[in-house]
Amino acid sequence: MNEQKIKSDSGILIGQNIRDIRMSKQIGQTELVRLLQLHGISITREAIVKIERGIQHIYASQLKAIKDVLDTTYDELLK
């Protein structure tokens, strides 16, 4: 089964929202990668950088894991 990719549009900047929430919780990109890997998500720091810059799609499973790791809501991620 193919996993659904999610792409930001001009009104919803998912990557920027992830970065803002991550920074507010004082979690570095490397730490976020480690926490995601503990949740079974295989991702690199380079992928996090690209997602936050809005130049790489995010998978639905990655978004869910980021929501859980950052202890936030989909509303905050998609605002």
C-alpha atoms as a PDB file:
ATOM      1  CA  MET A   1       0.000   0.000   0.000  1.00  0.00           C
ATOM      2  CA  ASN A   2       1.324   3.426  -0.934  1.00  0.00           C
ATOM      3  CA  GLU A   3       1.513   5.938   1.841  1.00  0.00           C
ATOM      4  CA  GLN A   4      -0.176   9.309   1.333  1.00  0.00           C
ATOM      5  CA  LYS A   5       2.147  12.290   0.883  1.00  0.00           C
ATOM      6  CA  ILE A   6       1.030  15.635   2.228  1.00  0.00           C
ATOM      7  CA  LYS A   7       2.141  18.837   0.538  1.00  0.00           C
ATOM      8  CA  SER A   8       1.926  22.307   2.022  1.00  0.00           C
ATOM      9  CA  ASP A   9       0.100  24.954   0.051  1.00  0.00           C
ATOM     10  CA  SER A  10       0.287  28.729   0.166  1.00  0.00           C
ATOM     11  CA  GLY A  11      -2.166  28.964   3.064  1.00  0.00           C
ATOM     12  CA  ILE A  12      -0.843  26.150   5.241  1.00  0.00           C
ATOM     13  CA  LEU A  13       2.876  25.987   5.913  1.00  0.00           C
ATOM     14  CA  ILE A  14       3.242  22.635   7.650  1.00  0.00           C
ATOM     15  CA  GLY A  15       7.037  22.715   7.724  1.00  0.00           C
ATOM     16  CA  GLN A  16       7.177  26.185   9.262  1.00  0.00           C
ATOM     17  CA  ASN A  17       4.594  25.147  11.849  1.00  0.00           C
ATOM     18  CA  ILE A  18       6.653  22.058  12.737  1.00  0.00           C
ATOM     19  CA  ARG A  19       9.745  24.218  13.115  1.00  0.00           C
ATOM     20  CA  ASP A  20       7.959  26.804  15.266  1.00  0.00           C
ATOM     21  CA  ILE A  21       6.503  24.169  17.595  1.00  0.00           C
ATOM     22  CA  ARG A  22       9.824  22.287  17.774  1.00  0.00           C
ATOM     23  CA  MET A  23      11.714  25.462  18.615  1.00  0.00           C
ATOM     24  CA  SER A  24       9.167  26.516  21.251  1.00  0.00           C
ATOM     25  CA  LYS A  25       9.728  23.169  22.974  1.00  0.00           C
ATOM     26  CA  GLN A  26      13.515  23.581  22.668  1.00  0.00           C
ATOM     27  CA  ILE A  27      13.948  20.368  20.689  1.00  0.00           C
ATOM     28  CA  GLY A  28      16.748  20.293  18.127  1.00  0.00           C
ATOM     29  CA  GLN A  29      16.415  18.646  14.745  1.00  0.00           C
ATOM     30  CA  THR A  30      18.725  15.790  15.728  1.00  0.00           C
ATOM     31  CA  GLU A  31      16.704  15.165  18.881  1.00  0.00           C
ATOM     32  CA  LEU A  32      13.472  15.190  16.852  1.00  0.00           C
ATOM     33  CA  VAL A  33      14.938  12.583  14.500  1.00  0.00           C
ATOM     34  CA  ARG A  34      15.918  10.409  17.474  1.00  0.00           C
ATOM     35  CA  LEU A  35      12.440  10.673  19.006  1.00  0.00           C
ATOM     36  CA  LEU A  36      10.780   9.880  15.684  1.00  0.00           C
ATOM     37  CA  GLN A  37      13.005   6.850  15.220  1.00  0.00           C
ATOM     38  CA  LEU A  38      11.926   5.632  18.671  1.00  0.00           C
ATOM     39  CA  HIS A  39       8.347   5.837  17.309  1.00  0.00           C
ATOM     40  CA  GLY A  40       9.344   3.618  14.363  1.00  0.00           C
ATOM     41  CA  ILE A  41       9.673   6.432  11.809  1.00  0.00           C
ATOM     42  CA  SER A  42      12.781   6.147   9.674  1.00  0.00           C
ATOM     43  CA  ILE A  43      13.792   9.721   8.851  1.00  0.00           C
ATOM     44  CA  THR A  44      17.028  11.697   8.582  1.00  0.00           C
ATOM     45  CA  ARG A  45      17.937  15.137   9.828  1.00  0.00           C
ATOM     46  CA  GLU A  46      18.294  16.220   6.214  1.00  0.00           C
ATOM     47  CA  ALA A  47      14.682  15.192   5.579  1.00  0.00           C
ATOM     48  CA  ILE A  48      13.542  17.236   8.607  1.00  0.00           C
ATOM     49  CA  VAL A  49      15.429  20.259   7.237  1.00  0.00           C
ATOM     50  CA  LYS A  50      13.740  19.882   3.838  1.00  0.00           C
ATOM     51  CA  ILE A  51      10.289  19.379   5.375  1.00  0.00           C
ATOM     52  CA  GLU A  52      10.696  22.466   7.572  1.00  0.00           C
ATOM     53  CA  ARG A  53      11.816  24.510   4.551  1.00  0.00           C
ATOM     54  CA  GLY A  54       8.816  23.284   2.576  1.00  0.00           C
ATOM     55  CA  ILE A  55      10.848  21.636  -0.175  1.00  0.00           C
ATOM     56  CA  GLN A  56       9.978  18.032   0.677  1.00  0.00           C
ATOM     57  CA  HIS A  57       6.593  16.382   1.070  1.00  0.00           C
ATOM     58  CA  ILE A  58       5.758  14.864   4.432  1.00  0.00           C
ATOM     59  CA  TYR A  59       4.139  11.468   4.739  1.00  0.00           C
ATOM     60  CA  ALA A  60       0.987  11.087   6.792  1.00  0.00           C
ATOM     61  CA  SER A  61       2.764   8.669   9.161  1.00  0.00           C
ATOM     62  CA  GLN A  62       5.564  11.209   9.689  1.00  0.00           C
ATOM     63  CA  LEU A  63       3.050  13.958  10.439  1.00  0.00           C
ATOM     64  CA  LYS A  64       1.249  11.755  12.961  1.00  0.00           C
ATOM     65  CA  ALA A  65       4.527  10.829  14.687  1.00  0.00           C
ATOM     66  CA  ILE A  66       5.659  14.475  14.768  1.00  0.00           C
ATOM     67  CA  LYS A  67       2.305  15.402  16.304  1.00  0.00           C
ATOM     68  CA  ASP A  68       2.803  12.764  18.992  1.00  0.00           C
ATOM     69  CA  VAL A  69       6.481  13.545  19.661  1.00  0.00           C
ATOM     70  CA  LEU A  70       5.908  17.304  19.874  1.00  0.00           C
ATOM     71  CA  ASP A  71       2.763  16.732  21.954  1.00  0.00           C
ATOM     72  CA  THR A  72       0.707  19.017  19.753  1.00  0.00           C
ATOM     73  CA  THR A  73      -2.446  18.852  17.647  1.00  0.00           C
ATOM     74  CA  TYR A  74      -3.163  18.599  13.939  1.00  0.00           C
ATOM     75  CA  ASP A  75      -4.831  22.008  14.230  1.00  0.00           C
ATOM     76  CA  GLU A  76      -1.520  23.539  15.335  1.00  0.00           C
ATOM     77  CA  LEU A  77       0.437  21.732  12.632  1.00  0.00           C
ATOM     78  CA  LEU A  78      -2.009  22.733   9.901  1.00  0.00           C
ATOM     79  CA  LYS A  79      -2.861  26.288  10.944  1.00  0.00           C
END
